[in-house]
C-alpha atoms as a PDB file:
ATOM      1  CA  MET A   1      80.220 234.320 127.768  1.00  0.00           C
ATOM      2  CA  PHE A   2      79.615 235.870 131.217  1.00  0.00           C
ATOM      3  CA  ASN A   3      76.834 238.422 130.939  1.00  0.00           C
ATOM      4  CA  ARG A   4      75.575 239.530 134.353  1.00  0.00           C
ATOM      5  CA  ILE A   5      74.398 238.615 137.845  1.00  0.00           C
ATOM      6  CA  GLU A   6      70.709 239.034 138.573  1.00  0.00           C
ATOM      7  CA  LYS A   7      68.299 238.409 141.427  1.00  0.00           C
ATOM      8  CA  LEU A   8      65.380 236.471 139.953  1.00  0.00           C
ATOM      9  CA  GLN A   9      61.868 236.595 141.348  1.00  0.00           C
ATOM     10  CA  GLU A  10      59.898 233.369 141.692  1.00  0.00           C
ATOM     11  CA  LYS A  11      58.180 232.335 138.442  1.00  0.00           C
ATOM     12  CA  LYS A  12      55.119 230.209 137.709  1.00  0.00           C
ATOM     13  CA  LEU A  13      55.663 227.767 134.860  1.00  0.00           C
ATOM     14  CA  LEU A  14      53.662 225.171 132.945  1.00  0.00           C
ATOM     15  CA  GLY A  15      55.353 222.340 131.150  1.00  0.00           C
ATOM     16  CA  GLN A  16      56.412 218.739 131.118  1.00  0.00           C
ATOM     17  CA  SER A  17      59.324 216.939 132.729  1.00  0.00           C
ATOM     18  CA  LEU A  18      61.375 213.772 132.318  1.00  0.00           C
ATOM     19  CA  LYS A  19      64.020 212.129 134.479  1.00  0.00           C
ATOM     20  CA  MET A  20      67.306 211.717 132.574  1.00  0.00           C
ATOM     21  CA  SER A  21      71.093 211.871 132.656  1.00  0.00           C
ATOM     22  CA  LEU A  22      73.651 213.091 130.146  1.00  0.00           C
ATOM     23  CA  LEU A  23      74.253 209.447 129.176  1.00  0.00           C
ATOM     24  CA  GLU A  24      70.526 208.811 128.766  1.00  0.00           C
ATOM     25  CA  ASN A  25      69.649 212.189 127.345  1.00  0.00           C
ATOM     26  CA  ARG A  26      65.913 212.471 126.622  1.00  0.00           C
ATOM     27  CA  THR A  27      65.907 216.198 125.805  1.00  0.00           C
ATOM     28  CA  PHE A  28      64.677 215.721 122.238  1.00  0.00           C
ATOM     29  CA  GLU A  29      61.844 213.483 123.471  1.00  0.00           C
ATOM     30  CA  LEU A  30      60.891 216.053 126.135  1.00  0.00           C
ATOM     31  CA  TRP A  31      60.788 219.053 123.799  1.00  0.00           C
ATOM     32  CA  SER A  32      59.133 217.108 120.963  1.00  0.00           C
ATOM     33  CA  GLY A  33      56.309 216.226 123.326  1.00  0.00           C
ATOM     34  CA  PHE A  34      55.998 219.676 124.865  1.00  0.00           C
ATOM     35  CA  MET A  35      56.122 222.034 121.871  1.00  0.00           C
ATOM     36  CA  PRO A  36      52.771 221.029 120.309  1.00  0.00           C
ATOM     37  CA  LEU A  37      51.095 221.262 123.739  1.00  0.00           C
ATOM     38  CA  ARG A  38      52.246 224.800 124.531  1.00  0.00           C
ATOM     39  CA  LYS A  39      49.468 226.066 122.233  1.00  0.00           C
ATOM     40  CA  GLN A  40      47.033 224.961 124.976  1.00  0.00           C
ATOM     41  CA  VAL A  41      48.451 227.566 127.390  1.00  0.00           C
ATOM     42  CA  ASN A  42      46.247 230.648 127.256  1.00  0.00           C
ATOM     43  CA  ASN A  43      47.924 232.707 129.999  1.00  0.00           C
ATOM     44  CA  GLN A  44      51.533 232.532 128.811  1.00  0.00           C
ATOM     45  CA  MET A  45      53.790 235.469 129.667  1.00  0.00           C
ATOM     46  CA  GLY A  46      56.232 236.246 126.861  1.00  0.00           C
ATOM     47  CA  ASN A  47      57.542 233.879 124.215  1.00  0.00           C
ATOM     48  CA  ASP A  48      60.645 232.549 125.981  1.00  0.00           C
ATOM     49  CA  LEU A  49      61.031 228.855 126.745  1.00  0.00           C
ATOM     50  CA  PHE A  50      62.526 227.505 129.976  1.00  0.00           C
ATOM     51  CA  SER A  51      64.759 224.427 129.893  1.00  0.00           C
ATOM     52  CA  ILE A  52      65.215 223.613 133.597  1.00  0.00           C
ATOM     53  CA  GLN A  53      67.439 221.067 135.295  1.00  0.00           C
ATOM     54  CA  VAL A  54      66.515 220.049 138.843  1.00  0.00           C
ATOM     55  CA  TYR A  55      69.266 218.136 140.629  1.00  0.00           C
ATOM     56  CA  ASP A  56      69.101 216.104 143.832  1.00  0.00           C
ATOM     57  CA  GLN A  57      69.514 218.611 146.648  1.00  0.00           C
ATOM     58  CA  HIS A  58      72.386 216.572 148.086  1.00  0.00           C
ATOM     59  CA  LEU A  59      74.374 216.540 144.849  1.00  0.00           C
ATOM     60  CA  ASN A  60      77.950 217.766 145.104  1.00  0.00           C
ATOM     61  CA  PHE A  61      78.882 219.028 141.648  1.00  0.00           C
ATOM     62  CA  LYS A  62      82.463 217.820 142.125  1.00  0.00           C
ATOM     63  CA  ASP A  63      80.945 214.322 141.921  1.00  0.00           C
ATOM     64  CA  PHE A  64      78.782 215.105 138.868  1.00  0.00           C
ATOM     65  CA  ASN A  65      79.304 212.663 136.016  1.00  0.00           C
ATOM     66  CA  PRO A  66      77.451 211.720 132.813  1.00  0.00           C
ATOM     67  CA  SER A  67      75.303 209.132 134.632  1.00  0.00           C
ATOM     68  CA  THR A  68      74.077 211.567 137.323  1.00  0.00           C
ATOM     69  CA  THR A  69      70.286 211.764 137.041  1.00  0.00           C
ATOM     70  CA  PHE A  70      68.216 214.930 137.139  1.00  0.00           C
ATOM     71  CA  THR A  71      64.742 216.068 136.207  1.00  0.00           C
ATOM     72  CA  LYS A  72      64.536 218.242 133.114  1.00  0.00           C
ATOM     73  CA  TRP A  73      61.586 220.510 132.398  1.00  0.00           C
ATOM     74  CA  ALA A  74      60.413 222.088 129.150  1.00  0.00           C
ATOM     75  CA  ALA A  75      58.175 224.978 130.201  1.00  0.00           C
ATOM     76  CA  VAL A  76      56.744 228.447 129.627  1.00  0.00           C
ATOM     77  CA  GLU A  77      56.031 231.179 132.145  1.00  0.00           C
ATOM     78  CA  VAL A  78      52.382 231.805 133.026  1.00  0.00           C
ATOM     79  CA  SER A  79      50.560 234.493 134.970  1.00  0.00           C
ATOM     80  CA  ASP A  80      48.731 231.992 137.215  1.00  0.00           C
ATOM     81  CA  PHE A  81      47.893 228.323 137.646  1.00  0.00           C
ATOM     82  CA  ASN A  82      44.210 228.662 136.717  1.00  0.00           C
ATOM     83  CA  ASN A  83      42.923 226.344 133.977  1.00  0.00           C
ATOM     84  CA  ILE A  84      45.973 224.074 133.665  1.00  0.00           C
ATOM     85  CA  PRO A  85      45.584 221.764 130.645  1.00  0.00           C
ATOM     86  CA  GLU A  86      45.523 218.074 131.640  1.00  0.00           C
ATOM     87  CA  THR A  87      48.606 217.420 129.479  1.00  0.00           C
ATOM     88  CA  LEU A  88      50.802 219.916 131.395  1.00  0.00           C
ATOM     89  CA  ASN A  89      52.093 220.262 134.950  1.00  0.00           C
ATOM     90  CA  SER A  90      52.753 223.318 137.086  1.00  0.00           C
ATOM     91  CA  TYR A  91      56.172 224.172 138.455  1.00  0.00           C
ATOM     92  CA  VAL A  92      57.353 227.066 140.614  1.00  0.00           C
ATOM     93  CA  LEU A  93      60.863 228.204 139.722  1.00  0.00           C
ATOM     94  CA  GLN A  94      62.524 229.445 142.900  1.00  0.00           C
ATOM     95  CA  GLY A  95      63.848 232.944 142.940  1.00  0.00           C
ATOM     96  CA  GLY A  96      67.338 233.896 143.974  1.00  0.00           C
ATOM     97  CA  LEU A  97      70.713 235.047 142.767  1.00  0.00           C
ATOM     98  CA  TYR A  98      71.870 233.802 139.349  1.00  0.00           C
ATOM     99  CA  ALA A  99      74.953 234.219 137.172  1.00  0.00           C
ATOM    100  CA  ILE A 100      73.840 234.546 133.565  1.00  0.00           C
ATOM    101  CA  PHE A 101      75.963 233.481 130.614  1.00  0.00           C
ATOM    102  CA  ILE A 102      75.343 233.625 126.873  1.00  0.00           C
ATOM    103  CA  HIS A 103      75.821 230.356 124.996  1.00  0.00           C
ATOM    104  CA  LYS A 104      76.405 230.991 121.301  1.00  0.00           C
ATOM    105  CA  GLY A 105      76.258 228.219 118.755  1.00  0.00           C
ATOM    106  CA  PRO A 106      74.606 224.832 118.366  1.00  0.00           C
ATOM    107  CA  SER A 107      73.561 222.802 121.395  1.00  0.00           C
ATOM    108  CA  SER A 108      76.335 220.319 120.571  1.00  0.00           C
ATOM    109  CA  SER A 109      78.910 222.950 121.620  1.00  0.00           C
ATOM    110  CA  PHE A 110      77.310 223.464 125.055  1.00  0.00           C
ATOM    111  CA  PRO A 111      79.945 221.354 126.890  1.00  0.00           C
ATOM    112  CA  LYS A 112      82.506 224.075 126.051  1.00  0.00           C
ATOM    113  CA  THR A 113      80.242 226.698 127.670  1.00  0.00           C
ATOM    114  CA  ALA A 114      79.689 224.488 130.731  1.00  0.00           C
ATOM    115  CA  GLN A 115      83.442 223.913 131.074  1.00  0.00           C
ATOM    116  CA  TYR A 116      84.020 227.672 131.088  1.00  0.00           C
ATOM    117  CA  ILE A 117      81.274 228.289 133.667  1.00  0.00           C
ATOM    118  CA  PHE A 118      82.187 225.513 136.110  1.00  0.00           C
ATOM    119  CA  GLY A 119      85.907 225.154 135.379  1.00  0.00           C
ATOM    120  CA  GLN A 120      86.962 228.797 135.046  1.00  0.00           C
ATOM    121  CA  TRP A 121      84.401 231.450 135.922  1.00  0.00           C
ATOM    122  CA  LEU A 122      82.871 229.951 139.072  1.00  0.00           C
ATOM    123  CA  PRO A 123      86.148 228.943 140.817  1.00  0.00           C
ATOM    124  CA  ALA A 124      87.629 232.410 140.133  1.00  0.00           C
ATOM    125  CA  SER A 125      84.501 234.276 141.253  1.00  0.00           C
ATOM    126  CA  ASP A 126      83.280 235.342 144.697  1.00  0.00           C
ATOM    127  CA  TYR A 127      80.400 232.881 144.325  1.00  0.00           C
ATOM    128  CA  GLU A 128      79.640 229.183 144.681  1.00  0.00           C
ATOM    129  CA  LEU A 129      76.815 227.056 143.366  1.00  0.00           C
ATOM    130  CA  ASP A 130      73.551 227.286 145.238  1.00  0.00           C
ATOM    131  CA  ASN A 131      71.218 224.318 145.444  1.00  0.00           C
ATOM    132  CA  ARG A 132      68.449 225.555 143.159  1.00  0.00           C
ATOM    133  CA  GLU A 133      67.390 225.009 139.592  1.00  0.00           C
ATOM    134  CA  HIS A 134      69.760 225.577 136.678  1.00  0.00           C
ATOM    135  CA  PHE A 135      68.029 226.698 133.496  1.00  0.00           C
ATOM    136  CA  GLU A 136      68.385 228.007 129.999  1.00  0.00           C
ATOM    137  CA  LEU A 137      66.169 230.786 128.738  1.00  0.00           C
ATOM    138  CA  ILE A 138      65.562 230.109 125.072  1.00  0.00           C
ATOM    139  CA  SER A 139      64.066 232.679 122.740  1.00  0.00           C
ATOM    140  CA  GLU A 140      61.488 231.603 120.201  1.00  0.00           C
ATOM    141  CA  ASN A 141      64.011 232.279 117.415  1.00  0.00           C
ATOM    142  CA  SER A 142      66.710 230.002 118.836  1.00  0.00           C
ATOM    143  CA  LYS A 143      67.407 226.808 116.888  1.00  0.00           C
ATOM    144  CA  ALA A 144      69.274 223.854 118.426  1.00  0.00           C
ATOM    145  CA  ASN A 145      71.686 223.227 115.544  1.00  0.00           C
ATOM    146  CA  ASP A 146      72.163 226.795 114.298  1.00  0.00           C
ATOM    147  CA  PRO A 147      75.727 228.164 114.765  1.00  0.00           C
ATOM    148  CA  ALA A 148      74.250 231.684 115.141  1.00  0.00           C
ATOM    149  CA  SER A 149      71.824 230.594 117.879  1.00  0.00           C
ATOM    150  CA  GLU A 150      72.037 232.192 121.346  1.00  0.00           C
ATOM    151  CA  GLU A 151      70.496 231.318 124.691  1.00  0.00           C
ATOM    152  CA  GLU A 152      70.917 232.524 128.256  1.00  0.00           C
ATOM    153  CA  VAL A 153      72.323 230.044 130.764  1.00  0.00           C
ATOM    154  CA  TRP A 154      71.227 230.774 134.357  1.00  0.00           C
ATOM    155  CA  ILE A 155      73.366 229.235 137.121  1.00  0.00           C
ATOM    156  CA  PRO A 156      72.196 229.521 140.768  1.00  0.00           C
ATOM    157  CA  ILE A 157      74.847 231.146 142.952  1.00  0.00           C
ATOM    158  CA  ARG A 158      75.439 232.469 146.458  1.00  0.00           C
ATOM    159  CA  ALA A 159      78.340 234.308 148.060  1.00  0.00           C
ATOM    160  CA  LYS A 160      81.232 231.997 148.932  1.00  0.00           C
ATOM    161  CA  THR A 161      81.505 230.867 152.514  1.00  0.00           C
ATOM    162  CA  ASN A 162      84.657 229.762 154.307  1.00  0.00           C
ATOM    163  CA  ASN A 163      83.333 226.242 154.781  1.00  0.00           C
ATOM    164  CA  SER A 164      82.024 225.730 151.241  1.00  0.00           C
ATOM    165  CA  GLN A 165      80.324 222.392 150.655  1.00  0.00           C
ATOM    166  CA  GLN A 166      79.914 222.799 146.903  1.00  0.00           C
END
């Protein structure tokens, strides 16, 4: 599952967002609304899709539970913010250090991947969570319910400190 660690440069994105939790998951609604609108983007860079989760900056992931709310974005990368369609919003994805994992299989098996990342890999690593966006990079060929589907899972990290708050 673990693939690599990479320093990401800031990215300009266009998309739509919804507030949700794992209990009140509105992911299907978000992507169903966004996908037809992405054809309006004329300065898209690449074909990858960004599924971004923005958590409250004061969230301690030890306290994360299924009712914790976050903002989820469905977006594509663009070269600039000129001529933004009225139906889409701009978002700047912060740069920084990320641990990248490969999730293989349908989206329904993602909890197993998350358990590995947060329950095994992260505690055993020299890193801790950083307070930035989490996201999945989804190729155009990826399908949510396909057992052969793959997507990259990007987790924001920083070197562990002695007085870790995460």
